[in-house]
Amino acid sequence: MGLFSEGVDVVCTPAGQPSALTWAGRHYTVCAEPVRWFERRRWWAEETRAPLGTGPGLVDHEIWRVQVRPSAANAEPEEALTLDLTRDIGSGRWRLLKIHDALRPRSA
């Protein structure tokens, strides 16, 4: 699908890893070990100023790649979706950044 930014509700384990999420009114369960990394933000283009002591979250984005399946009990299991999520360190809010449909096998 591509890149975009949409709010999602994420439930985390006690260790802080995503374990479930709600997106577009549907509930999903993480079905594989999530992967976390950090990417540099263009903070100088996004912020008018950098207040003293606001380093965490200002310079880096926390990104999580998760594989999820719908939580609803369906007769047929659906394919896993691979999603990239980001968490704002200041507010704790989560956003969906990318859906990796290129990673899913396509039916003929």
N, C-alpha and C. Protein backbone atom coordinates (compact mmCIF):
# COMPACT_ATOMS: atom_id res chain seq x y z
N MET A 1 0.81 -1.19 0.00
CA MET A 1 0.00 0.00 0.00
C MET A 1 0.85 1.25 0.00
N GLY A 2 1.81 1.33 0.92
CA GLY A 2 2.66 2.49 0.92
C GLY A 2 2.72 3.19 2.25
N LEU A 3 3.28 4.40 2.24
CA LEU A 3 3.47 5.18 3.45
C LEU A 3 2.28 6.09 3.71
N PHE A 4 1.91 6.19 4.97
CA PHE A 4 0.89 7.13 5.41
C PHE A 4 1.00 7.23 6.92
N SER A 5 0.14 7.97 7.55
CA SER A 5 0.17 8.09 9.00
C SER A 5 -1.26 8.12 9.51
N GLU A 6 -1.59 7.11 10.30
CA GLU A 6 -2.94 6.97 10.84
C GLU A 6 -2.84 6.47 12.27
N GLY A 7 -3.65 7.03 13.17
CA GLY A 7 -3.63 6.62 14.56
C GLY A 7 -4.11 5.19 14.75
N VAL A 8 -3.45 4.46 15.65
CA VAL A 8 -3.87 3.11 16.02
C VAL A 8 -3.77 3.00 17.54
N ASP A 9 -4.57 2.12 18.11
CA ASP A 9 -4.49 1.81 19.53
C ASP A 9 -3.68 0.54 19.69
N VAL A 10 -2.62 0.59 20.50
CA VAL A 10 -1.71 -0.54 20.65
C VAL A 10 -1.68 -0.97 22.11
N VAL A 11 -1.74 -2.29 22.32
CA VAL A 11 -1.57 -2.90 23.65
C VAL A 11 -0.17 -3.50 23.66
N CYS A 12 0.58 -3.21 24.72
CA CYS A 12 1.96 -3.68 24.83
C CYS A 12 2.11 -4.70 25.94
N THR A 13 3.13 -5.53 25.82
CA THR A 13 3.51 -6.45 26.88
C THR A 13 4.14 -5.63 28.01
N PRO A 14 4.34 -6.24 29.19
CA PRO A 14 5.04 -5.51 30.26
C PRO A 14 6.44 -5.04 29.85
N ALA A 15 7.06 -5.70 28.87
CA ALA A 15 8.39 -5.29 28.40
C ALA A 15 8.31 -4.16 27.38
N GLY A 16 7.09 -3.75 27.00
CA GLY A 16 6.93 -2.62 26.09
C GLY A 16 6.79 -2.98 24.62
N GLN A 17 6.71 -4.28 24.30
CA GLN A 17 6.55 -4.70 22.90
C GLN A 17 5.07 -4.74 22.53
N PRO A 18 4.72 -4.32 21.31
CA PRO A 18 3.32 -4.41 20.87
C PRO A 18 2.86 -5.88 20.86
N SER A 19 1.65 -6.12 21.38
CA SER A 19 1.10 -7.48 21.37
C SER A 19 -0.25 -7.54 20.66
N ALA A 20 -0.94 -6.41 20.57
CA ALA A 20 -2.23 -6.36 19.88
C ALA A 20 -2.49 -4.91 19.47
N LEU A 21 -3.36 -4.73 18.48
CA LEU A 21 -3.69 -3.37 18.08
C LEU A 21 -5.09 -3.31 17.50
N THR A 22 -5.64 -2.10 17.51
CA THR A 22 -6.93 -1.83 16.89
C THR A 22 -6.68 -0.78 15.83
N TRP A 23 -7.11 -1.10 14.60
CA TRP A 23 -6.93 -0.20 13.46
C TRP A 23 -8.18 -0.27 12.59
N ALA A 24 -8.74 0.88 12.27
CA ALA A 24 -9.94 0.98 11.42
C ALA A 24 -11.08 0.12 11.94
N GLY A 25 -11.22 0.08 13.27
CA GLY A 25 -12.32 -0.66 13.88
C GLY A 25 -12.13 -2.16 13.97
N ARG A 26 -10.98 -2.67 13.54
CA ARG A 26 -10.70 -4.11 13.62
C ARG A 26 -9.60 -4.37 14.63
N HIS A 27 -9.69 -5.50 15.30
CA HIS A 27 -8.70 -5.89 16.31
C HIS A 27 -7.74 -6.92 15.70
N TYR A 28 -6.45 -6.71 15.97
CA TYR A 28 -5.40 -7.59 15.45
C TYR A 28 -4.51 -8.05 16.59
N THR A 29 -3.97 -9.26 16.44
CA THR A 29 -3.03 -9.82 17.40
C THR A 29 -1.68 -9.97 16.71
N VAL A 30 -0.61 -9.58 17.40
CA VAL A 30 0.74 -9.74 16.86
C VAL A 30 1.05 -11.23 16.85
N CYS A 31 1.47 -11.76 15.68
CA CYS A 31 1.65 -13.21 15.52
C CYS A 31 3.11 -13.61 15.31
N ALA A 32 4.03 -12.68 15.38
CA ALA A 32 5.47 -12.97 15.25
C ALA A 32 6.22 -11.98 16.13
N GLU A 33 7.45 -12.29 16.45
CA GLU A 33 8.28 -11.42 17.30
C GLU A 33 8.44 -10.05 16.62
N PRO A 34 8.01 -8.96 17.27
CA PRO A 34 8.19 -7.63 16.67
C PRO A 34 9.65 -7.22 16.64
N VAL A 35 9.98 -6.36 15.68
CA VAL A 35 11.35 -5.85 15.52
C VAL A 35 11.31 -4.35 15.73
N ARG A 36 12.27 -3.82 16.52
CA ARG A 36 12.31 -2.39 16.81
C ARG A 36 13.62 -1.79 16.33
N TRP A 37 13.54 -0.55 15.82
CA TRP A 37 14.73 0.23 15.47
C TRP A 37 14.38 1.70 15.58
N PHE A 38 15.39 2.54 15.42
CA PHE A 38 15.20 3.98 15.51
C PHE A 38 15.65 4.63 14.21
N GLU A 39 14.92 5.63 13.75
CA GLU A 39 15.27 6.39 12.55
C GLU A 39 15.37 7.86 12.92
N ARG A 40 16.29 8.56 12.27
CA ARG A 40 16.46 10.00 12.49
C ARG A 40 15.28 10.77 11.92
N ARG A 41 14.80 11.73 12.68
CA ARG A 41 13.76 12.66 12.22
C ARG A 41 14.43 13.87 11.60
N ARG A 42 13.72 14.54 10.73
CA ARG A 42 14.17 15.84 10.23
C ARG A 42 13.61 16.90 11.19
N TRP A 43 14.04 16.84 12.44
CA TRP A 43 13.46 17.68 13.48
C TRP A 43 13.62 19.16 13.18
N TRP A 44 14.70 19.53 12.51
CA TRP A 44 14.93 20.95 12.20
C TRP A 44 13.88 21.48 11.21
N ALA A 45 13.26 20.59 10.42
CA ALA A 45 12.22 21.00 9.48
C ALA A 45 10.82 20.89 10.10
N GLU A 46 10.68 20.08 11.16
CA GLU A 46 9.37 19.82 11.76
C GLU A 46 9.10 20.66 13.00
N GLU A 47 10.13 21.12 13.67
CA GLU A 47 10.00 21.86 14.93
C GLU A 47 10.48 23.29 14.75
N THR A 48 9.80 24.24 15.39
CA THR A 48 10.25 25.62 15.32
C THR A 48 11.43 25.86 16.24
N ARG A 49 11.50 25.11 17.34
CA ARG A 49 12.64 25.20 18.24
C ARG A 49 12.75 23.91 19.02
N ALA A 50 13.88 23.67 19.62
CA ALA A 50 14.13 22.46 20.41
C ALA A 50 14.32 22.87 21.86
N PRO A 51 13.26 22.77 22.67
CA PRO A 51 13.38 23.14 24.08
C PRO A 51 14.42 22.29 24.80
N LEU A 52 15.12 22.88 25.75
CA LEU A 52 16.14 22.21 26.54
C LEU A 52 15.56 20.96 27.20
N GLY A 53 16.28 19.85 27.08
CA GLY A 53 15.88 18.61 27.74
C GLY A 53 14.89 17.77 26.96
N THR A 54 14.66 18.07 25.68
CA THR A 54 13.69 17.31 24.90
C THR A 54 14.38 16.40 23.88
N GLY A 55 15.54 15.87 24.21
CA GLY A 55 16.27 15.02 23.26
C GLY A 55 15.55 13.76 22.86
N PRO A 56 15.11 12.89 23.83
CA PRO A 56 14.43 11.65 23.42
C PRO A 56 13.15 11.96 22.66
N GLY A 57 13.02 11.38 21.48
CA GLY A 57 11.85 11.61 20.66
C GLY A 57 12.00 12.78 19.70
N LEU A 58 12.88 13.71 20.01
CA LEU A 58 13.07 14.85 19.11
C LEU A 58 13.95 14.44 17.93
N VAL A 59 15.02 13.72 18.20
CA VAL A 59 15.98 13.37 17.15
C VAL A 59 15.60 12.06 16.46
N ASP A 60 15.13 11.08 17.21
CA ASP A 60 14.86 9.75 16.66
C ASP A 60 13.39 9.37 16.77
N HIS A 61 12.91 8.60 15.78
CA HIS A 61 11.61 7.95 15.82
C HIS A 61 11.83 6.52 16.27
N GLU A 62 10.97 6.02 17.15
CA GLU A 62 10.97 4.60 17.49
C GLU A 62 10.02 3.91 16.51
N ILE A 63 10.53 2.93 15.76
CA ILE A 63 9.74 2.22 14.76
C ILE A 63 9.66 0.75 15.17
N TRP A 64 8.47 0.19 15.04
CA TRP A 64 8.25 -1.24 15.29
C TRP A 64 7.68 -1.87 14.03
N ARG A 65 8.26 -2.97 13.58
CA ARG A 65 7.67 -3.76 12.49
C ARG A 65 7.00 -4.97 13.14
N VAL A 66 5.71 -5.11 12.88
CA VAL A 66 4.92 -6.20 13.48
C VAL A 66 4.19 -6.96 12.39
N GLN A 67 3.98 -8.24 12.64
CA GLN A 67 3.09 -9.03 11.80
C GLN A 67 1.86 -9.32 12.63
N VAL A 68 0.69 -9.05 12.04
CA VAL A 68 -0.57 -9.20 12.77
C VAL A 68 -1.56 -10.02 11.97
N ARG A 69 -2.50 -10.62 12.71
CA ARG A 69 -3.65 -11.32 12.12
C ARG A 69 -4.89 -10.78 12.82
N PRO A 70 -6.01 -10.75 12.11
CA PRO A 70 -7.26 -10.32 12.75
C PRO A 70 -7.57 -11.21 13.95
N SER A 71 -8.07 -10.62 15.04
CA SER A 71 -8.37 -11.35 16.27
C SER A 71 -9.70 -12.09 16.20
N ALA A 72 -10.60 -11.65 15.33
CA ALA A 72 -11.93 -12.26 15.25
C ALA A 72 -11.81 -13.72 14.85
N ALA A 73 -12.71 -14.53 15.39
CA ALA A 73 -12.73 -15.96 15.09
C ALA A 73 -13.42 -16.17 13.74
N ASN A 74 -12.65 -16.26 12.69
CA ASN A 74 -13.19 -16.51 11.35
C ASN A 74 -13.07 -17.98 11.01
N ALA A 75 -13.89 -18.45 10.09
CA ALA A 75 -13.84 -19.84 9.66
C ALA A 75 -12.50 -20.14 8.98
N GLU A 76 -12.02 -19.17 8.17
CA GLU A 76 -10.74 -19.34 7.48
C GLU A 76 -9.74 -18.33 8.03
N PRO A 77 -8.53 -18.78 8.38
CA PRO A 77 -7.52 -17.81 8.87
C PRO A 77 -7.10 -16.88 7.74
N GLU A 78 -6.94 -15.61 8.06
CA GLU A 78 -6.50 -14.62 7.08
C GLU A 78 -4.99 -14.52 7.09
N GLU A 79 -4.44 -14.03 5.96
CA GLU A 79 -3.00 -13.81 5.86
C GLU A 79 -2.54 -12.80 6.90
N ALA A 80 -1.30 -12.96 7.33
CA ALA A 80 -0.72 -11.98 8.24
C ALA A 80 -0.39 -10.71 7.46
N LEU A 81 -0.58 -9.57 8.11
CA LEU A 81 -0.17 -8.28 7.55
C LEU A 81 1.11 -7.86 8.23
N THR A 82 2.03 -7.25 7.48
CA THR A 82 3.24 -6.69 8.06
C THR A 82 3.09 -5.18 8.07
N LEU A 83 3.19 -4.60 9.27
CA LEU A 83 2.96 -3.17 9.46
C LEU A 83 4.15 -2.52 10.14
N ASP A 84 4.42 -1.26 9.82
CA ASP A 84 5.38 -0.46 10.57
C ASP A 84 4.60 0.53 11.41
N LEU A 85 4.89 0.55 12.71
CA LEU A 85 4.25 1.45 13.66
C LEU A 85 5.30 2.36 14.28
N THR A 86 4.88 3.53 14.72
CA THR A 86 5.78 4.41 15.48
C THR A 86 5.06 4.90 16.72
N ARG A 87 5.82 5.07 17.80
CA ARG A 87 5.27 5.57 19.06
C ARG A 87 5.92 6.91 19.37
N ASP A 88 5.08 7.92 19.63
CA ASP A 88 5.58 9.23 20.05
C ASP A 88 6.00 9.12 21.51
N ILE A 89 7.25 9.36 21.79
CA ILE A 89 7.78 9.21 23.15
C ILE A 89 7.12 10.18 24.11
N GLY A 90 6.84 11.40 23.67
CA GLY A 90 6.23 12.40 24.55
C GLY A 90 4.80 12.08 24.93
N SER A 91 3.98 11.73 23.95
CA SER A 91 2.56 11.52 24.21
C SER A 91 2.19 10.06 24.41
N GLY A 92 3.04 9.14 23.95
CA GLY A 92 2.72 7.71 24.03
C GLY A 92 1.78 7.25 22.94
N ARG A 93 1.39 8.15 22.02
CA ARG A 93 0.47 7.77 20.94
C ARG A 93 1.18 6.97 19.86
N TRP A 94 0.44 6.04 19.29
CA TRP A 94 0.94 5.18 18.22
C TRP A 94 0.34 5.60 16.89
N ARG A 95 1.14 5.42 15.81
CA ARG A 95 0.67 5.71 14.45
C ARG A 95 1.11 4.57 13.53
N LEU A 96 0.25 4.25 12.60
CA LEU A 96 0.57 3.29 11.56
C LEU A 96 1.26 4.05 10.44
N LEU A 97 2.48 3.64 10.09
CA LEU A 97 3.28 4.33 9.07
C LEU A 97 3.24 3.65 7.72
N LYS A 98 3.24 2.31 7.72
CA LYS A 98 3.37 1.62 6.45
C LYS A 98 2.75 0.24 6.53
N ILE A 99 2.12 -0.16 5.42
CA ILE A 99 1.63 -1.53 5.24
C ILE A 99 2.50 -2.15 4.15
N HIS A 100 3.11 -3.28 4.46
CA HIS A 100 4.03 -3.92 3.53
C HIS A 100 3.29 -4.97 2.70
N ASP A 101 2.45 -4.54 1.79
CA ASP A 101 1.74 -5.55 1.02
C ASP A 101 2.65 -6.19 -0.02
N ALA A 102 3.79 -5.59 -0.31
CA ALA A 102 4.76 -6.20 -1.22
C ALA A 102 5.37 -7.44 -0.59
N LEU A 103 5.32 -7.57 0.74
CA LEU A 103 5.89 -8.72 1.42
C LEU A 103 4.92 -9.90 1.46
N ARG A 104 3.66 -9.63 1.13
CA ARG A 104 2.66 -10.70 1.16
C ARG A 104 2.62 -11.38 -0.20
N PRO A 105 2.47 -12.72 -0.21
CA PRO A 105 2.37 -13.40 -1.51
C PRO A 105 1.07 -12.99 -2.21
N ARG A 106 1.16 -12.82 -3.51
CA ARG A 106 -0.02 -12.42 -4.30
C ARG A 106 -0.61 -13.67 -4.95
N SER A 107 -1.94 -13.75 -4.94
CA SER A 107 -2.61 -14.87 -5.59
C SER A 107 -2.71 -14.59 -7.08
N ALA A 108 -2.71 -15.65 -7.87
CA ALA A 108 -2.75 -15.50 -9.34
C ALA A 108 -4.13 -15.18 -9.84
